[in-house]
Amino acid sequence: MKIKDIRDLGVDELRQKNRELSEEFFNLRMRHASGQLESTATIGHVRKDIARVKTVMAEKEAK
């Protein structure tokens, strides 16, 4: 997910996206622990997307 796309979202949409990404991250970690995850790179991508969403949320809430 690109930062430009994230900045276009509203605060409520960002919260929803954060929840979705957190759930996805949890599921990926569980699949990785059980040996079912083929590409471990997706864990890093999701972690970075969560960080981007949280950063933009903090910026928008500070305004």
PDB file of N, CA and C in Angstrom:
ATOM      1  N   MET A   1       0.839  -1.170   0.000  1.00  0.00           N
ATOM      2  CA  MET A   1       0.000   0.000   0.000  1.00  0.00           C
ATOM      3  C   MET A   1       0.890   1.242   0.000  1.00  0.00           C
ATOM      4  N   LYS A   2       0.562   2.161  -0.852  1.00  0.00           N
ATOM      5  CA  LYS A   2       1.359   3.378  -1.001  1.00  0.00           C
ATOM      6  C   LYS A   2       0.925   4.419   0.035  1.00  0.00           C
ATOM      7  N   ILE A   3       1.858   5.267   0.432  1.00  0.00           N
ATOM      8  CA  ILE A   3       1.575   6.300   1.427  1.00  0.00           C
ATOM      9  C   ILE A   3       0.556   7.302   0.893  1.00  0.00           C
ATOM     10  N   LYS A   4       0.585   7.560  -0.408  1.00  0.00           N
ATOM     11  CA  LYS A   4      -0.368   8.492  -1.004  1.00  0.00           C
ATOM     12  C   LYS A   4      -1.798   7.975  -0.828  1.00  0.00           C
ATOM     13  N   ASP A   5      -1.990   6.672  -1.016  1.00  0.00           N
ATOM     14  CA  ASP A   5      -3.312   6.079  -0.833  1.00  0.00           C
ATOM     15  C   ASP A   5      -3.760   6.169   0.618  1.00  0.00           C
ATOM     16  N   ILE A   6      -2.826   5.996   1.531  1.00  0.00           N
ATOM     17  CA  ILE A   6      -3.161   6.055   2.951  1.00  0.00           C
ATOM     18  C   ILE A   6      -3.537   7.466   3.356  1.00  0.00           C
ATOM     19  N   ARG A   7      -2.817   8.456   2.829  1.00  0.00           N
ATOM     20  CA  ARG A   7      -3.110   9.855   3.194  1.00  0.00           C
ATOM     21  C   ARG A   7      -4.470  10.317   2.679  1.00  0.00           C
ATOM     22  N   ASP A   8      -4.992   9.668   1.645  1.00  0.00           N
ATOM     23  CA  ASP A   8      -6.294  10.038   1.104  1.00  0.00           C
ATOM     24  C   ASP A   8      -7.446   9.534   1.965  1.00  0.00           C
ATOM     25  N   LEU A   9      -7.183   8.620   2.896  1.00  0.00           N
ATOM     26  CA  LEU A   9      -8.231   8.054   3.734  1.00  0.00           C
ATOM     27  C   LEU A   9      -8.558   8.980   4.897  1.00  0.00           C
ATOM     28  N   GLY A  10      -9.778   8.868   5.397  1.00  0.00           N
ATOM     29  CA  GLY A  10     -10.186   9.630   6.570  1.00  0.00           C
ATOM     30  C   GLY A  10      -9.743   8.917   7.836  1.00  0.00           C
ATOM     31  N   VAL A  11      -9.967   9.556   8.981  1.00  0.00           N
ATOM     32  CA  VAL A  11      -9.525   9.001  10.258  1.00  0.00           C
ATOM     33  C   VAL A  11     -10.244   7.684  10.557  1.00  0.00           C
ATOM     34  N   ASP A  12     -11.560   7.643  10.330  1.00  0.00           N
ATOM     35  CA  ASP A  12     -12.312   6.410  10.584  1.00  0.00           C
ATOM     36  C   ASP A  12     -11.861   5.284   9.662  1.00  0.00           C
ATOM     37  N   GLU A  13     -11.606   5.625   8.409  1.00  0.00           N
ATOM     38  CA  GLU A  13     -11.124   4.617   7.459  1.00  0.00           C
ATOM     39  C   GLU A  13      -9.744   4.111   7.856  1.00  0.00           C
ATOM     40  N   LEU A  14      -8.914   5.006   8.411  1.00  0.00           N
ATOM     41  CA  LEU A  14      -7.584   4.611   8.864  1.00  0.00           C
ATOM     42  C   LEU A  14      -7.678   3.641  10.041  1.00  0.00           C
ATOM     43  N   ARG A  15      -8.598   3.921  10.949  1.00  0.00           N
ATOM     44  CA  ARG A  15      -8.784   3.012  12.087  1.00  0.00           C
ATOM     45  C   ARG A  15      -9.224   1.634  11.614  1.00  0.00           C
ATOM     46  N   GLN A  16     -10.148   1.614  10.654  1.00  0.00           N
ATOM     47  CA  GLN A  16     -10.625   0.350  10.105  1.00  0.00           C
ATOM     48  C   GLN A  16      -9.483  -0.392   9.410  1.00  0.00           C
ATOM     49  N   LYS A  17      -8.694   0.327   8.636  1.00  0.00           N
ATOM     50  CA  LYS A  17      -7.563  -0.275   7.925  1.00  0.00           C
ATOM     51  C   LYS A  17      -6.545  -0.833   8.920  1.00  0.00           C
ATOM     52  N   ASN A  18      -6.322  -0.105  10.015  1.00  0.00           N
ATOM     53  CA  ASN A  18      -5.396  -0.556  11.049  1.00  0.00           C
ATOM     54  C   ASN A  18      -5.879  -1.874  11.655  1.00  0.00           C
ATOM     55  N   ARG A  19      -7.181  -1.973  11.928  1.00  0.00           N
ATOM     56  CA  ARG A  19      -7.736  -3.212  12.467  1.00  0.00           C
ATOM     57  C   ARG A  19      -7.553  -4.370  11.494  1.00  0.00           C
ATOM     58  N   GLU A  20      -7.851  -4.116  10.220  1.00  0.00           N
ATOM     59  CA  GLU A  20      -7.722  -5.165   9.201  1.00  0.00           C
ATOM     60  C   GLU A  20      -6.276  -5.648   9.081  1.00  0.00           C
ATOM     61  N   LEU A  21      -5.352  -4.697   9.055  1.00  0.00           N
ATOM     62  CA  LEU A  21      -3.944  -5.061   8.916  1.00  0.00           C
ATOM     63  C   LEU A  21      -3.435  -5.794  10.152  1.00  0.00           C
ATOM     64  N   SER A  22      -3.906  -5.403  11.332  1.00  0.00           N
ATOM     65  CA  SER A  22      -3.493  -6.083  12.554  1.00  0.00           C
ATOM     66  C   SER A  22      -3.974  -7.527  12.564  1.00  0.00           C
ATOM     67  N   GLU A  23      -5.204  -7.743  12.116  1.00  0.00           N
ATOM     68  CA  GLU A  23      -5.733  -9.106  12.027  1.00  0.00           C
ATOM     69  C   GLU A  23      -4.938  -9.929  11.013  1.00  0.00           C
ATOM     70  N   GLU A  24      -4.633  -9.311   9.881  1.00  0.00           N
ATOM     71  CA  GLU A  24      -3.855 -10.007   8.855  1.00  0.00           C
ATOM     72  C   GLU A  24      -2.463 -10.359   9.379  1.00  0.00           C
ATOM     73  N   PHE A  25      -1.847  -9.426  10.111  1.00  0.00           N
ATOM     74  CA  PHE A  25      -0.528  -9.662  10.677  1.00  0.00           C
ATOM     75  C   PHE A  25      -0.566 -10.826  11.660  1.00  0.00           C
ATOM     76  N   PHE A  26      -1.597 -10.864  12.501  1.00  0.00           N
ATOM     77  CA  PHE A  26      -1.750 -11.962  13.449  1.00  0.00           C
ATOM     78  C   PHE A  26      -1.885 -13.299  12.719  1.00  0.00           C
ATOM     79  N   ASN A  27      -2.721 -13.325  11.698  1.00  0.00           N
ATOM     80  CA  ASN A  27      -2.914 -14.561  10.931  1.00  0.00           C
ATOM     81  C   ASN A  27      -1.624 -15.009  10.245  1.00  0.00           C
ATOM     82  N   LEU A  28      -0.874 -14.056   9.713  1.00  0.00           N
ATOM     83  CA  LEU A  28       0.399 -14.397   9.074  1.00  0.00           C
ATOM     84  C   LEU A  28       1.392 -14.972  10.079  1.00  0.00           C
ATOM     85  N   ARG A  29       1.423 -14.391  11.274  1.00  0.00           N
ATOM     86  CA  ARG A  29       2.324 -14.908  12.313  1.00  0.00           C
ATOM     87  C   ARG A  29       1.955 -16.325  12.717  1.00  0.00           C
ATOM     88  N   MET A  30       0.663 -16.595  12.812  1.00  0.00           N
ATOM     89  CA  MET A  30       0.215 -17.939  13.170  1.00  0.00           C
ATOM     90  C   MET A  30       0.578 -18.945  12.071  1.00  0.00           C
ATOM     91  N   ARG A  31       0.369 -18.549  10.817  1.00  0.00           N
ATOM     92  CA  ARG A  31       0.721 -19.422   9.698  1.00  0.00           C
ATOM     93  C   ARG A  31       2.228 -19.660   9.648  1.00  0.00           C
ATOM     94  N   HIS A  32       3.004 -18.628   9.960  1.00  0.00           N
ATOM     95  CA  HIS A  32       4.458 -18.768   9.973  1.00  0.00           C
ATOM     96  C   HIS A  32       4.900 -19.726  11.078  1.00  0.00           C
ATOM     97  N   ALA A  33       4.287 -19.606  12.243  1.00  0.00           N
ATOM     98  CA  ALA A  33       4.648 -20.460  13.374  1.00  0.00           C
ATOM     99  C   ALA A  33       4.310 -21.930  13.105  1.00  0.00           C
ATOM    100  N   SER A  34       3.243 -22.158  12.344  1.00  0.00           N
ATOM    101  CA  SER A  34       2.846 -23.532  12.058  1.00  0.00           C
ATOM    102  C   SER A  34       3.508 -24.082  10.792  1.00  0.00           C
ATOM    103  N   GLY A  35       4.307 -23.246  10.124  1.00  0.00           N
ATOM    104  CA  GLY A  35       5.038 -23.700   8.949  1.00  0.00           C
ATOM    105  C   GLY A  35       4.233 -23.690   7.658  1.00  0.00           C
ATOM    106  N   GLN A  36       3.112 -23.003   7.640  1.00  0.00           N
ATOM    107  CA  GLN A  36       2.259 -22.978   6.460  1.00  0.00           C
ATOM    108  C   GLN A  36       2.484 -21.757   5.575  1.00  0.00           C
ATOM    109  N   LEU A  37       3.294 -20.829   6.025  1.00  0.00           N
ATOM    110  CA  LEU A  37       3.514 -19.595   5.275  1.00  0.00           C
ATOM    111  C   LEU A  37       4.634 -19.804   4.263  1.00  0.00           C
ATOM    112  N   GLU A  38       4.343 -19.535   3.000  1.00  0.00           N
ATOM    113  CA  GLU A  38       5.338 -19.733   1.950  1.00  0.00           C
ATOM    114  C   GLU A  38       6.300 -18.556   1.840  1.00  0.00           C
ATOM    115  N   SER A  39       5.765 -17.339   1.853  1.00  0.00           N
ATOM    116  CA  SER A  39       6.602 -16.160   1.691  1.00  0.00           C
ATOM    117  C   SER A  39       6.612 -15.355   2.987  1.00  0.00           C
ATOM    118  N   THR A  40       7.739 -15.375   3.669  1.00  0.00           N
ATOM    119  CA  THR A  40       7.834 -14.640   4.929  1.00  0.00           C
ATOM    120  C   THR A  40       7.962 -13.136   4.702  1.00  0.00           C
ATOM    121  N   ALA A  41       8.208 -12.732   3.483  1.00  0.00           N
ATOM    122  CA  ALA A  41       8.328 -11.306   3.175  1.00  0.00           C
ATOM    123  C   ALA A  41       7.009 -10.576   3.387  1.00  0.00           C
ATOM    124  N   THR A  42       5.893 -11.280   3.275  1.00  0.00           N
ATOM    125  CA  THR A  42       4.598 -10.632   3.461  1.00  0.00           C
ATOM    126  C   THR A  42       4.428 -10.119   4.883  1.00  0.00           C
ATOM    127  N   ILE A  43       5.062 -10.775   5.842  1.00  0.00           N
ATOM    128  CA  ILE A  43       4.988 -10.309   7.231  1.00  0.00           C
ATOM    129  C   ILE A  43       5.609  -8.915   7.332  1.00  0.00           C
ATOM    130  N   GLY A  44       6.747  -8.725   6.715  1.00  0.00           N
ATOM    131  CA  GLY A  44       7.410  -7.420   6.736  1.00  0.00           C
ATOM    132  C   GLY A  44       6.603  -6.348   6.041  1.00  0.00           C
ATOM    133  N   HIS A  45       5.972  -6.707   4.925  1.00  0.00           N
ATOM    134  CA  HIS A  45       5.162  -5.735   4.189  1.00  0.00           C
ATOM    135  C   HIS A  45       3.971  -5.276   5.031  1.00  0.00           C
ATOM    136  N   VAL A  46       3.328  -6.211   5.694  1.00  0.00           N
ATOM    137  CA  VAL A  46       2.164  -5.871   6.513  1.00  0.00           C
ATOM    138  C   VAL A  46       2.594  -5.031   7.707  1.00  0.00           C
ATOM    139  N   ARG A  47       3.730  -5.380   8.325  1.00  0.00           N
ATOM    140  CA  ARG A  47       4.232  -4.581   9.453  1.00  0.00           C
ATOM    141  C   ARG A  47       4.474  -3.137   9.039  1.00  0.00           C
ATOM    142  N   LYS A  48       5.063  -2.962   7.875  1.00  0.00           N
ATOM    143  CA  LYS A  48       5.352  -1.607   7.398  1.00  0.00           C
ATOM    144  C   LYS A  48       4.075  -0.853   7.045  1.00  0.00           C
ATOM    145  N   ASP A  49       3.082  -1.560   6.505  1.00  0.00           N
ATOM    146  CA  ASP A  49       1.794  -0.919   6.222  1.00  0.00           C
ATOM    147  C   ASP A  49       1.118  -0.463   7.505  1.00  0.00           C
ATOM    148  N   ILE A  50       1.201  -1.275   8.554  1.00  0.00           N
ATOM    149  CA  ILE A  50       0.632  -0.887   9.845  1.00  0.00           C
ATOM    150  C   ILE A  50       1.323   0.368  10.359  1.00  0.00           C
ATOM    151  N   ALA A  51       2.629   0.417  10.245  1.00  0.00           N
ATOM    152  CA  ALA A  51       3.384   1.594  10.700  1.00  0.00           C
ATOM    153  C   ALA A  51       2.999   2.833   9.899  1.00  0.00           C
ATOM    154  N   ARG A  52       2.809   2.681   8.593  1.00  0.00           N
ATOM    155  CA  ARG A  52       2.404   3.818   7.763  1.00  0.00           C
ATOM    156  C   ARG A  52       1.031   4.338   8.192  1.00  0.00           C
ATOM    157  N   VAL A  53       0.099   3.416   8.415  1.00  0.00           N
ATOM    158  CA  VAL A  53      -1.254   3.813   8.812  1.00  0.00           C
ATOM    159  C   VAL A  53      -1.218   4.525  10.157  1.00  0.00           C
ATOM    160  N   LYS A  54      -0.470   3.988  11.102  1.00  0.00           N
ATOM    161  CA  LYS A  54      -0.383   4.612  12.425  1.00  0.00           C
ATOM    162  C   LYS A  54       0.246   5.997  12.356  1.00  0.00           C
ATOM    163  N   THR A  55       1.245   6.159  11.496  1.00  0.00           N
ATOM    164  CA  THR A  55       1.902   7.453  11.336  1.00  0.00           C
ATOM    165  C   THR A  55       0.929   8.491  10.793  1.00  0.00           C
ATOM    166  N   VAL A  56       0.176   8.128   9.759  1.00  0.00           N
ATOM    167  CA  VAL A  56      -0.772   9.062   9.165  1.00  0.00           C
ATOM    168  C   VAL A  56      -1.894   9.365  10.147  1.00  0.00           C
ATOM    169  N   MET A  57      -2.333   8.362  10.914  1.00  0.00           N
ATOM    170  CA  MET A  57      -3.376   8.592  11.926  1.00  0.00           C
ATOM    171  C   MET A  57      -2.891   9.615  12.950  1.00  0.00           C
ATOM    172  N   ALA A  58      -1.667   9.480  13.402  1.00  0.00           N
ATOM    173  CA  ALA A  58      -1.108  10.418  14.374  1.00  0.00           C
ATOM    174  C   ALA A  58      -1.011  11.828  13.794  1.00  0.00           C
ATOM    175  N   GLU A  59      -0.628  11.920  12.521  1.00  0.00           N
ATOM    176  CA  GLU A  59      -0.543  13.227  11.872  1.00  0.00           C
ATOM    177  C   GLU A  59      -1.918  13.886  11.785  1.00  0.00           C
ATOM    178  N   LYS A  60      -2.924  13.110  11.410  1.00  0.00           N
ATOM    179  CA  LYS A  60      -4.255  13.683  11.241  1.00  0.00           C
ATOM    180  C   LYS A  60      -4.899  14.026  12.569  1.00  0.00           C
ATOM    181  N   GLU A  61      -4.652  13.234  13.604  1.00  0.00           N
ATOM    182  CA  GLU A  61      -5.223  13.514  14.903  1.00  0.00           C
ATOM    183  C   GLU A  61      -4.546  14.705  15.575  1.00  0.00           C
ATOM    184  N   ALA A  62      -3.318  15.005  15.205  1.00  0.00           N
ATOM    185  CA  ALA A  62      -2.594  16.125  15.776  1.00  0.00           C
ATOM    186  C   ALA A  62      -3.080  17.471  15.229  1.00  0.00           C
ATOM    187  N   LYS A  63      -3.722  17.420  14.069  1.00  0.00           N
ATOM    188  CA  LYS A  63      -4.192  18.675  13.442  1.00  0.00           C
ATOM    189  C   LYS A  63      -5.390  19.244  14.127  1.00  0.00           C
TER     190      LYS A  63
END
